[in-house]
Amino acid sequence: MEARRVAGTDDDPRTAELRRAVARLRRDLAAHPAELPDRAIADDELAALDAMARTGAPELHRLRRSLLLIAGALGSVSALGSALTGVRAAIDQFNNVPQPGRGRD
């Protein structure tokens, strides 16, 4: 199965929003005093999200996968909930891209 890429460029406001949301969550996670057993997983996936946003062509399925891994790694840490919601909202903006072969009759 070929990975589907989402259209985007450096000028795409969706990628800019994703980078802002990722940066906020990274800052909040770095400042969080509790030891989280899966913090490294969250850090790695946040770095991957940022890298995808910088390329301007993030893969939708990879964005979703990263979000799931980050959410799982952070668990129910309420202090990070708002920033995590921001990342989710930024990723959700990529859902509105027309998909090849779908919706064309």
N, C-alpha and C. Protein backbone atom coordinates (compact mmCIF):
# COMPACT_ATOMS: atom_id res chain seq x y z
N MET A 1 0.84 -1.18 0.00
CA MET A 1 0.00 0.00 0.00
C MET A 1 0.88 1.24 0.00
N GLU A 2 0.64 2.12 -0.91
CA GLU A 2 1.43 3.34 -1.02
C GLU A 2 0.96 4.37 0.00
N ALA A 3 1.90 5.05 0.63
CA ALA A 3 1.55 6.08 1.60
C ALA A 3 0.96 7.28 0.88
N ARG A 4 -0.12 7.78 1.40
CA ARG A 4 -0.77 8.94 0.82
C ARG A 4 -0.19 10.19 1.45
N ARG A 5 0.25 11.12 0.65
CA ARG A 5 0.80 12.37 1.14
C ARG A 5 -0.26 13.45 1.04
N VAL A 6 -0.21 14.35 2.00
CA VAL A 6 -1.14 15.47 2.04
C VAL A 6 -0.45 16.68 1.46
N ALA A 7 -1.15 17.38 0.59
CA ALA A 7 -0.56 18.57 -0.02
C ALA A 7 -0.21 19.58 1.06
N GLY A 8 0.95 20.20 0.92
CA GLY A 8 1.35 21.22 1.87
C GLY A 8 2.66 21.84 1.45
N THR A 9 2.85 23.07 1.85
CA THR A 9 4.11 23.76 1.59
C THR A 9 4.45 24.57 2.81
N ASP A 10 5.60 25.25 2.75
CA ASP A 10 5.97 26.11 3.86
C ASP A 10 4.94 27.20 4.08
N ASP A 11 4.20 27.56 3.01
CA ASP A 11 3.20 28.60 3.11
C ASP A 11 1.85 28.07 3.58
N ASP A 12 1.73 26.77 3.71
CA ASP A 12 0.48 26.15 4.11
C ASP A 12 0.22 26.46 5.58
N PRO A 13 -0.88 27.12 5.89
CA PRO A 13 -1.17 27.46 7.29
C PRO A 13 -1.36 26.23 8.17
N ARG A 14 -1.74 25.11 7.57
CA ARG A 14 -1.91 23.89 8.37
C ARG A 14 -0.58 23.39 8.91
N THR A 15 0.45 23.43 8.08
CA THR A 15 1.76 22.97 8.56
C THR A 15 2.32 23.93 9.59
N ALA A 16 2.08 25.22 9.40
CA ALA A 16 2.52 26.21 10.40
C ALA A 16 1.82 25.97 11.73
N GLU A 17 0.53 25.71 11.68
CA GLU A 17 -0.23 25.44 12.90
C GLU A 17 0.25 24.16 13.57
N LEU A 18 0.53 23.15 12.78
CA LEU A 18 1.04 21.89 13.34
C LEU A 18 2.37 22.14 14.04
N ARG A 19 3.25 22.89 13.43
CA ARG A 19 4.55 23.17 14.05
C ARG A 19 4.38 23.95 15.36
N ARG A 20 3.46 24.91 15.38
CA ARG A 20 3.22 25.67 16.62
C ARG A 20 2.67 24.76 17.72
N ALA A 21 1.72 23.91 17.36
CA ALA A 21 1.11 23.02 18.34
C ALA A 21 2.14 22.03 18.89
N VAL A 22 2.97 21.50 18.01
CA VAL A 22 4.01 20.56 18.42
C VAL A 22 5.00 21.26 19.34
N ALA A 23 5.40 22.47 18.99
CA ALA A 23 6.35 23.22 19.81
C ALA A 23 5.79 23.47 21.21
N ARG A 24 4.51 23.81 21.28
CA ARG A 24 3.88 24.04 22.59
C ARG A 24 3.89 22.77 23.43
N LEU A 25 3.50 21.65 22.83
CA LEU A 25 3.47 20.40 23.59
C LEU A 25 4.88 20.00 24.01
N ARG A 26 5.86 20.21 23.14
CA ARG A 26 7.24 19.89 23.52
C ARG A 26 7.69 20.73 24.71
N ARG A 27 7.35 22.02 24.70
CA ARG A 27 7.71 22.89 25.84
C ARG A 27 7.01 22.43 27.11
N ASP A 28 5.72 22.16 27.01
CA ASP A 28 4.96 21.74 28.18
C ASP A 28 5.48 20.41 28.72
N LEU A 29 5.81 19.50 27.84
CA LEU A 29 6.34 18.20 28.26
C LEU A 29 7.70 18.37 28.92
N ALA A 30 8.55 19.21 28.37
CA ALA A 30 9.87 19.45 28.95
C ALA A 30 9.77 20.07 30.34
N ALA A 31 8.75 20.90 30.55
CA ALA A 31 8.57 21.56 31.83
C ALA A 31 7.82 20.70 32.85
N HIS A 32 7.23 19.61 32.40
CA HIS A 32 6.44 18.77 33.30
C HIS A 32 7.37 18.02 34.26
N PRO A 33 7.17 18.19 35.57
CA PRO A 33 8.12 17.65 36.54
C PRO A 33 8.01 16.13 36.78
N ALA A 34 6.87 15.56 36.50
CA ALA A 34 6.69 14.14 36.79
C ALA A 34 7.49 13.28 35.82
N GLU A 35 7.97 12.16 36.33
CA GLU A 35 8.67 11.22 35.46
C GLU A 35 7.62 10.37 34.75
N LEU A 36 7.66 10.42 33.44
CA LEU A 36 6.74 9.64 32.64
C LEU A 36 7.52 8.51 32.01
N PRO A 37 7.09 7.27 32.19
CA PRO A 37 7.87 6.14 31.68
C PRO A 37 8.05 6.14 30.16
N ASP A 38 7.10 6.72 29.44
CA ASP A 38 7.17 6.72 27.97
C ASP A 38 7.46 8.11 27.40
N ARG A 39 8.09 8.96 28.18
CA ARG A 39 8.41 10.32 27.74
C ARG A 39 9.26 10.31 26.47
N ALA A 40 10.19 9.39 26.38
CA ALA A 40 11.07 9.32 25.20
C ALA A 40 10.26 9.04 23.93
N ILE A 41 9.25 8.20 24.05
CA ILE A 41 8.39 7.91 22.90
C ILE A 41 7.68 9.18 22.46
N ALA A 42 7.13 9.91 23.42
CA ALA A 42 6.43 11.16 23.09
C ALA A 42 7.40 12.15 22.45
N ASP A 43 8.60 12.28 23.01
CA ASP A 43 9.60 13.19 22.45
C ASP A 43 9.96 12.81 21.01
N ASP A 44 10.16 11.52 20.78
CA ASP A 44 10.51 11.05 19.44
C ASP A 44 9.41 11.34 18.43
N GLU A 45 8.17 11.09 18.82
CA GLU A 45 7.04 11.31 17.91
C GLU A 45 6.79 12.80 17.67
N LEU A 46 7.02 13.61 18.68
CA LEU A 46 6.88 15.06 18.48
C LEU A 46 7.95 15.56 17.51
N ALA A 47 9.15 15.02 17.63
CA ALA A 47 10.22 15.38 16.69
C ALA A 47 9.85 14.93 15.28
N ALA A 48 9.25 13.76 15.16
CA ALA A 48 8.83 13.26 13.84
C ALA A 48 7.73 14.14 13.26
N LEU A 49 6.77 14.56 14.07
CA LEU A 49 5.71 15.45 13.59
C LEU A 49 6.30 16.77 13.10
N ASP A 50 7.24 17.32 13.86
CA ASP A 50 7.85 18.57 13.46
C ASP A 50 8.61 18.40 12.14
N ALA A 51 9.31 17.30 12.00
CA ALA A 51 10.05 17.04 10.76
C ALA A 51 9.10 16.91 9.58
N MET A 52 7.99 16.22 9.77
CA MET A 52 7.01 16.08 8.69
C MET A 52 6.43 17.43 8.31
N ALA A 53 6.15 18.26 9.31
CA ALA A 53 5.60 19.58 9.02
C ALA A 53 6.61 20.44 8.28
N ARG A 54 7.89 20.33 8.63
CA ARG A 54 8.92 21.10 7.95
C ARG A 54 9.08 20.70 6.49
N THR A 55 8.84 19.44 6.17
CA THR A 55 8.96 19.00 4.78
C THR A 55 7.83 19.55 3.93
N GLY A 56 6.73 19.91 4.57
CA GLY A 56 5.59 20.46 3.85
C GLY A 56 4.70 19.42 3.22
N ALA A 57 4.98 18.14 3.42
CA ALA A 57 4.16 17.09 2.82
C ALA A 57 3.95 15.94 3.80
N PRO A 58 3.30 16.22 4.92
CA PRO A 58 3.10 15.15 5.90
C PRO A 58 2.16 14.07 5.39
N GLU A 59 2.41 12.85 5.78
CA GLU A 59 1.55 11.72 5.44
C GLU A 59 0.45 11.63 6.49
N LEU A 60 -0.78 11.66 6.03
CA LEU A 60 -1.91 11.69 6.95
C LEU A 60 -1.91 10.50 7.90
N HIS A 61 -1.67 9.30 7.38
CA HIS A 61 -1.69 8.13 8.27
C HIS A 61 -0.55 8.21 9.28
N ARG A 62 0.58 8.80 8.92
CA ARG A 62 1.70 8.93 9.85
C ARG A 62 1.40 9.98 10.91
N LEU A 63 0.73 11.06 10.52
CA LEU A 63 0.31 12.06 11.51
C LEU A 63 -0.59 11.43 12.56
N ARG A 64 -1.55 10.66 12.09
CA ARG A 64 -2.49 10.01 13.01
C ARG A 64 -1.78 9.00 13.92
N ARG A 65 -0.86 8.24 13.34
CA ARG A 65 -0.12 7.26 14.12
C ARG A 65 0.70 7.94 15.21
N SER A 66 1.36 9.02 14.85
CA SER A 66 2.16 9.76 15.82
C SER A 66 1.28 10.30 16.95
N LEU A 67 0.11 10.81 16.59
CA LEU A 67 -0.80 11.33 17.60
C LEU A 67 -1.21 10.23 18.58
N LEU A 68 -1.51 9.05 18.06
CA LEU A 68 -1.89 7.93 18.94
C LEU A 68 -0.74 7.54 19.86
N LEU A 69 0.47 7.49 19.33
CA LEU A 69 1.62 7.14 20.15
C LEU A 69 1.89 8.18 21.22
N ILE A 70 1.75 9.44 20.87
CA ILE A 70 1.96 10.52 21.85
C ILE A 70 0.90 10.45 22.93
N ALA A 71 -0.35 10.31 22.54
CA ALA A 71 -1.44 10.24 23.52
C ALA A 71 -1.24 9.05 24.45
N GLY A 72 -0.84 7.91 23.89
CA GLY A 72 -0.59 6.74 24.72
C GLY A 72 0.58 6.95 25.66
N ALA A 73 1.62 7.61 25.19
CA ALA A 73 2.81 7.84 26.00
C ALA A 73 2.53 8.81 27.14
N LEU A 74 1.67 9.78 26.89
CA LEU A 74 1.37 10.77 27.92
C LEU A 74 0.28 10.32 28.87
N GLY A 75 -0.49 9.34 28.44
CA GLY A 75 -1.56 8.85 29.30
C GLY A 75 -2.57 9.93 29.61
N SER A 76 -2.97 10.00 30.84
CA SER A 76 -4.00 10.96 31.23
C SER A 76 -3.41 12.11 32.04
N VAL A 77 -2.25 12.57 31.66
CA VAL A 77 -1.62 13.70 32.36
C VAL A 77 -2.40 14.96 32.00
N SER A 78 -3.23 15.39 32.94
CA SER A 78 -4.13 16.51 32.65
C SER A 78 -3.38 17.81 32.37
N ALA A 79 -2.21 17.97 32.93
CA ALA A 79 -1.44 19.20 32.70
C ALA A 79 -1.03 19.35 31.25
N LEU A 80 -0.98 18.25 30.51
CA LEU A 80 -0.58 18.29 29.11
C LEU A 80 -1.77 18.18 28.16
N GLY A 81 -2.96 18.05 28.71
CA GLY A 81 -4.16 17.83 27.90
C GLY A 81 -4.45 18.93 26.91
N SER A 82 -4.32 20.16 27.31
CA SER A 82 -4.63 21.28 26.43
C SER A 82 -3.66 21.32 25.24
N ALA A 83 -2.39 21.14 25.51
CA ALA A 83 -1.39 21.15 24.43
C ALA A 83 -1.59 19.96 23.50
N LEU A 84 -1.93 18.80 24.05
CA LEU A 84 -2.18 17.61 23.23
C LEU A 84 -3.41 17.83 22.35
N THR A 85 -4.43 18.46 22.90
CA THR A 85 -5.62 18.79 22.13
C THR A 85 -5.27 19.72 20.97
N GLY A 86 -4.33 20.63 21.20
CA GLY A 86 -3.88 21.52 20.13
C GLY A 86 -3.21 20.77 19.00
N VAL A 87 -2.41 19.76 19.33
CA VAL A 87 -1.77 18.94 18.30
C VAL A 87 -2.83 18.17 17.53
N ARG A 88 -3.79 17.63 18.25
CA ARG A 88 -4.86 16.88 17.57
C ARG A 88 -5.63 17.78 16.62
N ALA A 89 -5.97 18.97 17.07
CA ALA A 89 -6.71 19.91 16.22
C ALA A 89 -5.90 20.27 14.97
N ALA A 90 -4.60 20.45 15.14
CA ALA A 90 -3.74 20.78 14.00
C ALA A 90 -3.70 19.63 13.01
N ILE A 91 -3.64 18.41 13.50
CA ILE A 91 -3.64 17.24 12.62
C ILE A 91 -4.99 17.08 11.93
N ASP A 92 -6.06 17.35 12.66
CA ASP A 92 -7.41 17.23 12.09
C ASP A 92 -7.60 18.16 10.89
N GLN A 93 -6.86 19.25 10.81
CA GLN A 93 -6.98 20.15 9.67
C GLN A 93 -6.57 19.47 8.37
N PHE A 94 -5.75 18.44 8.45
CA PHE A 94 -5.30 17.73 7.26
C PHE A 94 -6.34 16.72 6.76
N ASN A 95 -7.37 16.47 7.54
CA ASN A 95 -8.41 15.53 7.15
C ASN A 95 -9.29 16.05 6.03
N ASN A 96 -9.30 17.33 5.77
CA ASN A 96 -10.20 17.93 4.79
C ASN A 96 -9.64 17.93 3.38
N VAL A 97 -8.54 17.26 3.16
CA VAL A 97 -7.92 17.20 1.84
C VAL A 97 -8.62 16.14 1.01
N PRO A 98 -9.03 16.45 -0.22
CA PRO A 98 -9.66 15.43 -1.07
C PRO A 98 -8.73 14.24 -1.27
N GLN A 99 -9.29 13.06 -1.23
CA GLN A 99 -8.50 11.85 -1.37
C GLN A 99 -8.66 11.31 -2.78
N PRO A 100 -7.56 10.94 -3.40
CA PRO A 100 -7.63 10.41 -4.76
C PRO A 100 -8.57 9.22 -4.86
N GLY A 101 -9.44 9.26 -5.87
CA GLY A 101 -10.33 8.14 -6.11
C GLY A 101 -11.56 8.12 -5.24
N ARG A 102 -11.69 9.06 -4.33
CA ARG A 102 -12.87 9.09 -3.47
C ARG A 102 -13.67 10.36 -3.73
N GLY A 103 -14.97 10.22 -3.67
CA GLY A 103 -15.85 11.36 -3.80
C GLY A 103 -15.98 11.90 -5.22
N ARG A 104 -15.47 11.15 -6.16
CA ARG A 104 -15.56 11.58 -7.56
C ARG A 104 -16.46 10.62 -8.32
N ASP A 105 -17.64 11.03 -8.62
CA ASP A 105 -18.57 10.17 -9.35
C ASP A 105 -18.89 10.75 -10.70
